[in-house]
N, C-alpha and C. Protein backbone atom coordinates (compact mmCIF):
# COMPACT_ATOMS: atom_id res chain seq x y z
N MET A 1 -23.02 2.33 -9.63
CA MET A 1 -24.24 1.56 -9.69
C MET A 1 -25.35 2.49 -10.13
N SER A 2 -25.91 2.21 -11.25
CA SER A 2 -26.95 3.07 -11.81
C SER A 2 -28.20 2.25 -12.03
N ASP A 3 -29.26 2.62 -11.33
CA ASP A 3 -30.54 1.97 -11.56
C ASP A 3 -31.63 3.02 -11.65
N SER A 4 -32.79 2.59 -12.04
CA SER A 4 -33.88 3.54 -12.26
C SER A 4 -34.45 4.09 -10.97
N PHE A 5 -34.09 3.51 -9.82
CA PHE A 5 -34.64 3.95 -8.55
C PHE A 5 -33.70 4.88 -7.80
N SER A 6 -32.53 5.16 -8.35
CA SER A 6 -31.56 5.96 -7.61
C SER A 6 -32.04 7.39 -7.41
N SER A 7 -32.95 7.87 -8.21
CA SER A 7 -33.41 9.25 -8.08
C SER A 7 -34.64 9.38 -7.19
N LEU A 8 -35.13 8.27 -6.63
CA LEU A 8 -36.33 8.34 -5.79
C LEU A 8 -36.11 9.15 -4.53
N GLY A 9 -34.92 9.18 -4.01
CA GLY A 9 -34.65 9.94 -2.80
C GLY A 9 -34.67 11.43 -3.02
N HIS A 10 -34.58 11.86 -4.25
CA HIS A 10 -34.56 13.28 -4.56
C HIS A 10 -35.75 13.62 -5.44
N ALA A 11 -36.87 13.93 -4.80
CA ALA A 11 -38.08 14.26 -5.55
C ALA A 11 -37.92 15.63 -6.18
N PRO A 12 -38.51 15.83 -7.33
CA PRO A 12 -38.46 17.15 -7.96
C PRO A 12 -39.06 18.20 -7.02
N VAL A 13 -38.57 19.42 -7.13
CA VAL A 13 -38.99 20.49 -6.24
C VAL A 13 -40.48 20.76 -6.35
N ASN A 14 -41.06 20.60 -7.52
CA ASN A 14 -42.47 20.93 -7.70
C ASN A 14 -43.41 19.80 -7.29
N THR A 15 -42.89 18.68 -6.84
CA THR A 15 -43.73 17.57 -6.38
C THR A 15 -44.08 17.80 -4.92
N SER A 16 -45.37 17.81 -4.62
CA SER A 16 -45.80 18.07 -3.25
C SER A 16 -45.89 16.76 -2.47
N ILE A 17 -45.94 16.91 -1.15
CA ILE A 17 -46.11 15.76 -0.26
C ILE A 17 -47.40 15.04 -0.60
N LYS A 18 -48.44 15.80 -0.92
CA LYS A 18 -49.75 15.20 -1.23
C LYS A 18 -49.66 14.28 -2.44
N GLU A 19 -48.88 14.67 -3.44
CA GLU A 19 -48.72 13.83 -4.63
C GLU A 19 -47.88 12.59 -4.33
N LEU A 20 -46.84 12.76 -3.53
CA LEU A 20 -45.98 11.64 -3.21
C LEU A 20 -46.68 10.60 -2.34
N ILE A 21 -47.55 11.05 -1.46
CA ILE A 21 -48.20 10.16 -0.51
C ILE A 21 -49.42 9.46 -1.10
N GLN A 22 -49.89 9.90 -2.23
CA GLN A 22 -51.15 9.39 -2.80
C GLN A 22 -51.19 7.87 -2.94
N PRO A 23 -50.16 7.19 -3.46
CA PRO A 23 -50.26 5.72 -3.58
C PRO A 23 -50.43 5.02 -2.23
N LEU A 24 -49.72 5.47 -1.22
CA LEU A 24 -49.84 4.87 0.09
C LEU A 24 -51.16 5.26 0.75
N ALA A 25 -51.57 6.49 0.57
CA ALA A 25 -52.81 6.97 1.18
C ALA A 25 -54.03 6.28 0.61
N SER A 26 -53.94 5.79 -0.60
CA SER A 26 -55.09 5.09 -1.18
C SER A 26 -55.36 3.77 -0.47
N GLY A 27 -54.41 3.28 0.31
CA GLY A 27 -54.59 2.05 1.06
C GLY A 27 -54.85 2.26 2.54
N LYS A 28 -55.10 3.50 2.95
CA LYS A 28 -55.25 3.76 4.39
C LYS A 28 -56.50 3.10 4.95
N GLY A 29 -57.52 2.89 4.15
CA GLY A 29 -58.71 2.18 4.62
C GLY A 29 -58.38 0.74 4.98
N TRP A 30 -57.55 0.11 4.17
CA TRP A 30 -57.13 -1.26 4.46
C TRP A 30 -56.24 -1.30 5.70
N MET A 31 -55.41 -0.28 5.88
CA MET A 31 -54.57 -0.22 7.07
C MET A 31 -55.44 -0.15 8.32
N LYS A 32 -56.48 0.67 8.27
CA LYS A 32 -57.39 0.79 9.42
C LYS A 32 -58.12 -0.53 9.66
N PHE A 33 -58.57 -1.17 8.59
CA PHE A 33 -59.27 -2.45 8.72
C PHE A 33 -58.39 -3.50 9.38
N VAL A 34 -57.15 -3.63 8.89
CA VAL A 34 -56.23 -4.62 9.45
C VAL A 34 -55.89 -4.26 10.89
N GLY A 35 -55.76 -2.98 11.19
CA GLY A 35 -55.51 -2.54 12.55
C GLY A 35 -56.63 -2.93 13.49
N VAL A 36 -57.88 -2.73 13.06
CA VAL A 36 -59.03 -3.11 13.88
C VAL A 36 -59.07 -4.62 14.08
N VAL A 37 -58.78 -5.39 13.03
CA VAL A 37 -58.78 -6.85 13.14
C VAL A 37 -57.72 -7.30 14.15
N PHE A 38 -56.53 -6.70 14.12
CA PHE A 38 -55.49 -7.05 15.09
C PHE A 38 -55.93 -6.72 16.51
N ILE A 39 -56.57 -5.57 16.70
CA ILE A 39 -57.03 -5.20 18.04
C ILE A 39 -58.08 -6.18 18.54
N ILE A 40 -59.02 -6.56 17.67
CA ILE A 40 -60.04 -7.54 18.05
C ILE A 40 -59.39 -8.88 18.36
N GLN A 41 -58.42 -9.29 17.54
CA GLN A 41 -57.70 -10.54 17.79
C GLN A 41 -57.01 -10.50 19.15
N GLY A 42 -56.39 -9.39 19.48
CA GLY A 42 -55.73 -9.26 20.78
C GLY A 42 -56.72 -9.32 21.92
N ALA A 43 -57.88 -8.70 21.74
CA ALA A 43 -58.90 -8.73 22.79
C ALA A 43 -59.42 -10.16 22.99
N LEU A 44 -59.62 -10.87 21.90
CA LEU A 44 -60.08 -12.26 22.01
C LEU A 44 -59.00 -13.16 22.60
N THR A 45 -57.76 -12.89 22.26
CA THR A 45 -56.65 -13.67 22.82
C THR A 45 -56.55 -13.46 24.32
N ALA A 46 -56.85 -12.25 24.78
CA ALA A 46 -56.76 -11.94 26.21
C ALA A 46 -57.81 -12.68 27.03
N LEU A 47 -58.81 -13.26 26.37
CA LEU A 47 -59.84 -13.99 27.11
C LEU A 47 -59.35 -15.33 27.64
N THR A 48 -58.24 -15.83 27.11
CA THR A 48 -57.70 -17.11 27.59
C THR A 48 -56.63 -16.84 28.64
N LEU A 49 -56.35 -17.84 29.45
CA LEU A 49 -55.39 -17.67 30.52
C LEU A 49 -53.98 -17.41 29.99
N VAL A 50 -53.56 -18.21 29.04
CA VAL A 50 -52.23 -18.03 28.44
C VAL A 50 -52.22 -16.81 27.54
N GLY A 51 -53.36 -16.52 26.91
CA GLY A 51 -53.45 -15.40 25.98
C GLY A 51 -53.22 -14.05 26.62
N ILE A 52 -53.49 -13.95 27.92
CA ILE A 52 -53.28 -12.68 28.61
C ILE A 52 -51.82 -12.25 28.50
N ILE A 53 -50.93 -13.21 28.47
CA ILE A 53 -49.49 -12.91 28.41
C ILE A 53 -49.10 -12.31 27.06
N ILE A 54 -49.70 -12.79 25.98
CA ILE A 54 -49.29 -12.33 24.65
C ILE A 54 -50.31 -11.44 23.95
N ALA A 55 -51.42 -11.13 24.59
CA ALA A 55 -52.47 -10.35 23.94
C ALA A 55 -52.03 -8.93 23.61
N TRP A 56 -51.06 -8.41 24.32
CA TRP A 56 -50.60 -7.05 24.07
C TRP A 56 -49.98 -6.90 22.68
N LEU A 57 -49.43 -7.98 22.16
CA LEU A 57 -48.72 -7.89 20.88
C LEU A 57 -49.66 -7.57 19.71
N PRO A 58 -50.75 -8.33 19.48
CA PRO A 58 -51.63 -7.94 18.38
C PRO A 58 -52.33 -6.60 18.63
N ILE A 59 -52.59 -6.28 19.89
CA ILE A 59 -53.20 -4.97 20.17
C ILE A 59 -52.22 -3.86 19.80
N TRP A 60 -50.96 -4.03 20.16
CA TRP A 60 -49.94 -3.04 19.81
C TRP A 60 -49.81 -2.90 18.30
N ILE A 61 -49.79 -4.02 17.59
CA ILE A 61 -49.69 -3.99 16.13
C ILE A 61 -50.89 -3.24 15.53
N GLY A 62 -52.08 -3.53 16.06
CA GLY A 62 -53.28 -2.85 15.57
C GLY A 62 -53.24 -1.36 15.82
N VAL A 63 -52.78 -0.97 17.00
CA VAL A 63 -52.69 0.45 17.33
C VAL A 63 -51.66 1.13 16.42
N LEU A 64 -50.55 0.47 16.15
CA LEU A 64 -49.54 1.03 15.24
C LEU A 64 -50.14 1.29 13.85
N LEU A 65 -50.89 0.33 13.34
CA LEU A 65 -51.50 0.51 12.03
C LEU A 65 -52.53 1.64 12.02
N MET A 66 -53.33 1.71 13.08
CA MET A 66 -54.33 2.78 13.17
C MET A 66 -53.64 4.15 13.26
N GLN A 67 -52.57 4.25 14.05
CA GLN A 67 -51.84 5.51 14.16
C GLN A 67 -51.18 5.88 12.84
N SER A 68 -50.64 4.89 12.15
CA SER A 68 -50.01 5.14 10.86
C SER A 68 -51.03 5.65 9.85
N ALA A 69 -52.20 5.03 9.82
CA ALA A 69 -53.25 5.46 8.90
C ALA A 69 -53.73 6.87 9.24
N GLY A 70 -53.84 7.18 10.53
CA GLY A 70 -54.25 8.52 10.93
C GLY A 70 -53.23 9.57 10.53
N ALA A 71 -51.95 9.28 10.76
CA ALA A 71 -50.89 10.21 10.36
C ALA A 71 -50.84 10.35 8.84
N LEU A 72 -51.09 9.27 8.15
CA LEU A 72 -51.12 9.29 6.69
C LEU A 72 -52.24 10.19 6.19
N GLU A 73 -53.39 10.10 6.84
CA GLU A 73 -54.53 10.95 6.48
C GLU A 73 -54.20 12.43 6.73
N ARG A 74 -53.56 12.71 7.87
CA ARG A 74 -53.16 14.09 8.16
C ARG A 74 -52.18 14.60 7.12
N ALA A 75 -51.23 13.75 6.75
CA ALA A 75 -50.23 14.16 5.76
C ALA A 75 -50.87 14.39 4.40
N GLN A 76 -51.85 13.58 4.07
CA GLN A 76 -52.51 13.73 2.78
C GLN A 76 -53.35 15.01 2.73
N LEU A 77 -54.04 15.32 3.82
CA LEU A 77 -54.90 16.50 3.84
C LEU A 77 -54.11 17.80 3.95
N SER A 78 -53.06 17.79 4.77
CA SER A 78 -52.34 19.04 5.02
C SER A 78 -51.02 19.17 4.27
N GLY A 79 -50.51 18.05 3.76
CA GLY A 79 -49.20 18.09 3.11
C GLY A 79 -48.07 18.21 4.11
N ASP A 80 -48.31 17.81 5.36
CA ASP A 80 -47.34 17.94 6.45
C ASP A 80 -46.29 16.83 6.36
N PRO A 81 -45.02 17.20 6.12
CA PRO A 81 -43.98 16.17 6.03
C PRO A 81 -43.73 15.46 7.36
N ALA A 82 -43.97 16.13 8.49
CA ALA A 82 -43.78 15.48 9.79
C ALA A 82 -44.80 14.36 9.98
N ALA A 83 -46.03 14.56 9.52
CA ALA A 83 -47.06 13.52 9.61
C ALA A 83 -46.70 12.34 8.72
N LEU A 84 -46.16 12.63 7.54
CA LEU A 84 -45.71 11.56 6.65
C LEU A 84 -44.59 10.75 7.30
N LYS A 85 -43.64 11.45 7.92
CA LYS A 85 -42.53 10.77 8.58
C LYS A 85 -43.03 9.91 9.74
N GLU A 86 -43.99 10.43 10.51
CA GLU A 86 -44.57 9.66 11.61
C GLU A 86 -45.26 8.40 11.09
N SER A 87 -46.01 8.54 10.02
CA SER A 87 -46.72 7.40 9.44
C SER A 87 -45.74 6.33 8.97
N LEU A 88 -44.70 6.74 8.29
CA LEU A 88 -43.71 5.78 7.80
C LEU A 88 -42.93 5.13 8.94
N ALA A 89 -42.68 5.88 10.01
CA ALA A 89 -41.98 5.31 11.17
C ALA A 89 -42.84 4.24 11.83
N ARG A 90 -44.15 4.47 11.92
CA ARG A 90 -45.05 3.47 12.50
C ARG A 90 -45.13 2.24 11.60
N LEU A 91 -45.16 2.45 10.30
CA LEU A 91 -45.17 1.32 9.37
C LEU A 91 -43.89 0.51 9.49
N ARG A 92 -42.76 1.20 9.66
CA ARG A 92 -41.49 0.50 9.83
C ARG A 92 -41.54 -0.38 11.08
N THR A 93 -42.05 0.15 12.17
CA THR A 93 -42.16 -0.63 13.41
C THR A 93 -43.06 -1.84 13.20
N TYR A 94 -44.16 -1.65 12.48
CA TYR A 94 -45.07 -2.76 12.17
C TYR A 94 -44.33 -3.87 11.43
N PHE A 95 -43.58 -3.52 10.42
CA PHE A 95 -42.88 -4.53 9.62
C PHE A 95 -41.74 -5.18 10.42
N VAL A 96 -41.08 -4.44 11.29
CA VAL A 96 -40.04 -5.03 12.14
C VAL A 96 -40.66 -6.07 13.07
N ILE A 97 -41.79 -5.72 13.69
CA ILE A 97 -42.48 -6.66 14.59
C ILE A 97 -42.90 -7.91 13.82
N GLN A 98 -43.49 -7.73 12.65
CA GLN A 98 -43.92 -8.87 11.85
C GLN A 98 -42.73 -9.74 11.46
N GLY A 99 -41.61 -9.12 11.09
CA GLY A 99 -40.41 -9.88 10.73
C GLY A 99 -39.88 -10.69 11.90
N VAL A 100 -39.84 -10.09 13.08
CA VAL A 100 -39.37 -10.80 14.28
C VAL A 100 -40.31 -11.96 14.58
N LEU A 101 -41.62 -11.73 14.48
CA LEU A 101 -42.58 -12.81 14.73
C LEU A 101 -42.41 -13.96 13.74
N ILE A 102 -42.13 -13.65 12.49
CA ILE A 102 -41.90 -14.69 11.49
C ILE A 102 -40.65 -15.49 11.84
N LEU A 103 -39.57 -14.81 12.22
CA LEU A 103 -38.35 -15.51 12.60
C LEU A 103 -38.56 -16.39 13.83
N VAL A 104 -39.29 -15.89 14.82
CA VAL A 104 -39.59 -16.68 16.01
C VAL A 104 -40.43 -17.90 15.63
N GLY A 105 -41.40 -17.71 14.74
CA GLY A 105 -42.23 -18.83 14.29
C GLY A 105 -41.42 -19.89 13.56
N ILE A 106 -40.49 -19.46 12.73
CA ILE A 106 -39.64 -20.42 12.03
C ILE A 106 -38.77 -21.19 13.03
N ALA A 107 -38.18 -20.46 13.99
CA ALA A 107 -37.32 -21.12 14.99
C ALA A 107 -38.13 -22.12 15.81
N LEU A 108 -39.34 -21.75 16.24
CA LEU A 108 -40.17 -22.67 17.02
C LEU A 108 -40.58 -23.88 16.19
N SER A 109 -40.82 -23.69 14.90
CA SER A 109 -41.17 -24.82 14.03
C SER A 109 -40.01 -25.79 13.90
N VAL A 110 -38.81 -25.27 13.75
CA VAL A 110 -37.63 -26.13 13.65
C VAL A 110 -37.44 -26.90 14.95
N ILE A 111 -37.57 -26.22 16.08
CA ILE A 111 -37.44 -26.91 17.38
C ILE A 111 -38.52 -27.98 17.52
N TYR A 112 -39.74 -27.66 17.11
CA TYR A 112 -40.85 -28.62 17.17
C TYR A 112 -40.53 -29.88 16.38
N PHE A 113 -40.07 -29.71 15.13
CA PHE A 113 -39.77 -30.87 14.30
C PHE A 113 -38.59 -31.67 14.82
N VAL A 114 -37.59 -31.01 15.38
CA VAL A 114 -36.44 -31.73 15.93
C VAL A 114 -36.86 -32.54 17.15
N VAL A 115 -37.60 -31.91 18.07
CA VAL A 115 -38.00 -32.60 19.30
C VAL A 115 -38.93 -33.78 18.98
N PHE A 116 -39.96 -33.54 18.19
CA PHE A 116 -40.90 -34.61 17.91
C PHE A 116 -40.33 -35.66 16.95
N GLY A 117 -39.40 -35.25 16.11
CA GLY A 117 -38.69 -36.23 15.29
C GLY A 117 -37.84 -37.14 16.15
N ALA A 118 -37.16 -36.57 17.15
CA ALA A 118 -36.35 -37.39 18.07
C ALA A 118 -37.23 -38.32 18.88
N MET A 119 -38.41 -37.84 19.31
CA MET A 119 -39.33 -38.69 20.06
C MET A 119 -39.84 -39.83 19.19
N PHE A 120 -40.15 -39.54 17.96
CA PHE A 120 -40.63 -40.56 17.03
C PHE A 120 -39.55 -41.61 16.79
N MET A 121 -38.32 -41.16 16.60
CA MET A 121 -37.22 -42.09 16.37
C MET A 121 -36.98 -42.96 17.60
N ALA A 122 -37.09 -42.37 18.80
CA ALA A 122 -36.91 -43.15 20.03
C ALA A 122 -38.02 -44.18 20.17
N MET A 123 -39.23 -43.83 19.80
CA MET A 123 -40.35 -44.78 19.87
C MET A 123 -40.13 -45.92 18.88
N MET A 124 -39.67 -45.61 17.70
CA MET A 124 -39.45 -46.65 16.69
C MET A 124 -38.31 -47.57 17.12
N LYS A 125 -37.29 -47.01 17.75
CA LYS A 125 -36.14 -47.79 18.20
C LYS A 125 -36.54 -48.75 19.33
N SER A 126 -37.51 -48.33 20.16
CA SER A 126 -37.89 -49.17 21.30
C SER A 126 -39.02 -50.14 20.96
N GLY A 127 -39.33 -50.28 19.71
CA GLY A 127 -40.31 -51.29 19.32
C GLY A 127 -41.59 -50.73 18.73
N GLY A 128 -41.61 -49.48 18.43
CA GLY A 128 -42.80 -48.92 17.78
C GLY A 128 -43.82 -48.39 18.76
N PHE A 129 -45.00 -48.21 18.25
CA PHE A 129 -46.08 -47.62 19.02
C PHE A 129 -46.66 -48.65 19.98
N PRO A 130 -47.10 -48.23 21.16
CA PRO A 130 -47.74 -49.16 22.09
C PRO A 130 -49.07 -49.64 21.54
N HIS A 131 -49.43 -50.88 21.85
CA HIS A 131 -50.67 -51.44 21.35
C HIS A 131 -51.76 -51.30 22.35
């Protein structure tokens, strides 16, 4: 299998961490912004009774993004491969959490449509809507 991306895992020896990280580091401001928005969303969610139970999730996501952006900045300034690895690990966790949340949302939507579809069908079978 030969594709143009097969050599990405083996960067040339003269390519520095700073050069490799530049495309991702150019978006670190947006990462910080989205992280702050998630933290604010979590704080606002915690103001409701039910929200207290799930408020930790957006706060955690926001903290992950802020930590990733900070590690990215350290890697960009110092060329530290450990900081780059930390940043990418935090980004991976962010995307895993988002993926799980999307799957949970899809499953809940399917359950919602099945339950309310069955209720609607039962109402129609028993003579329609009450007057």
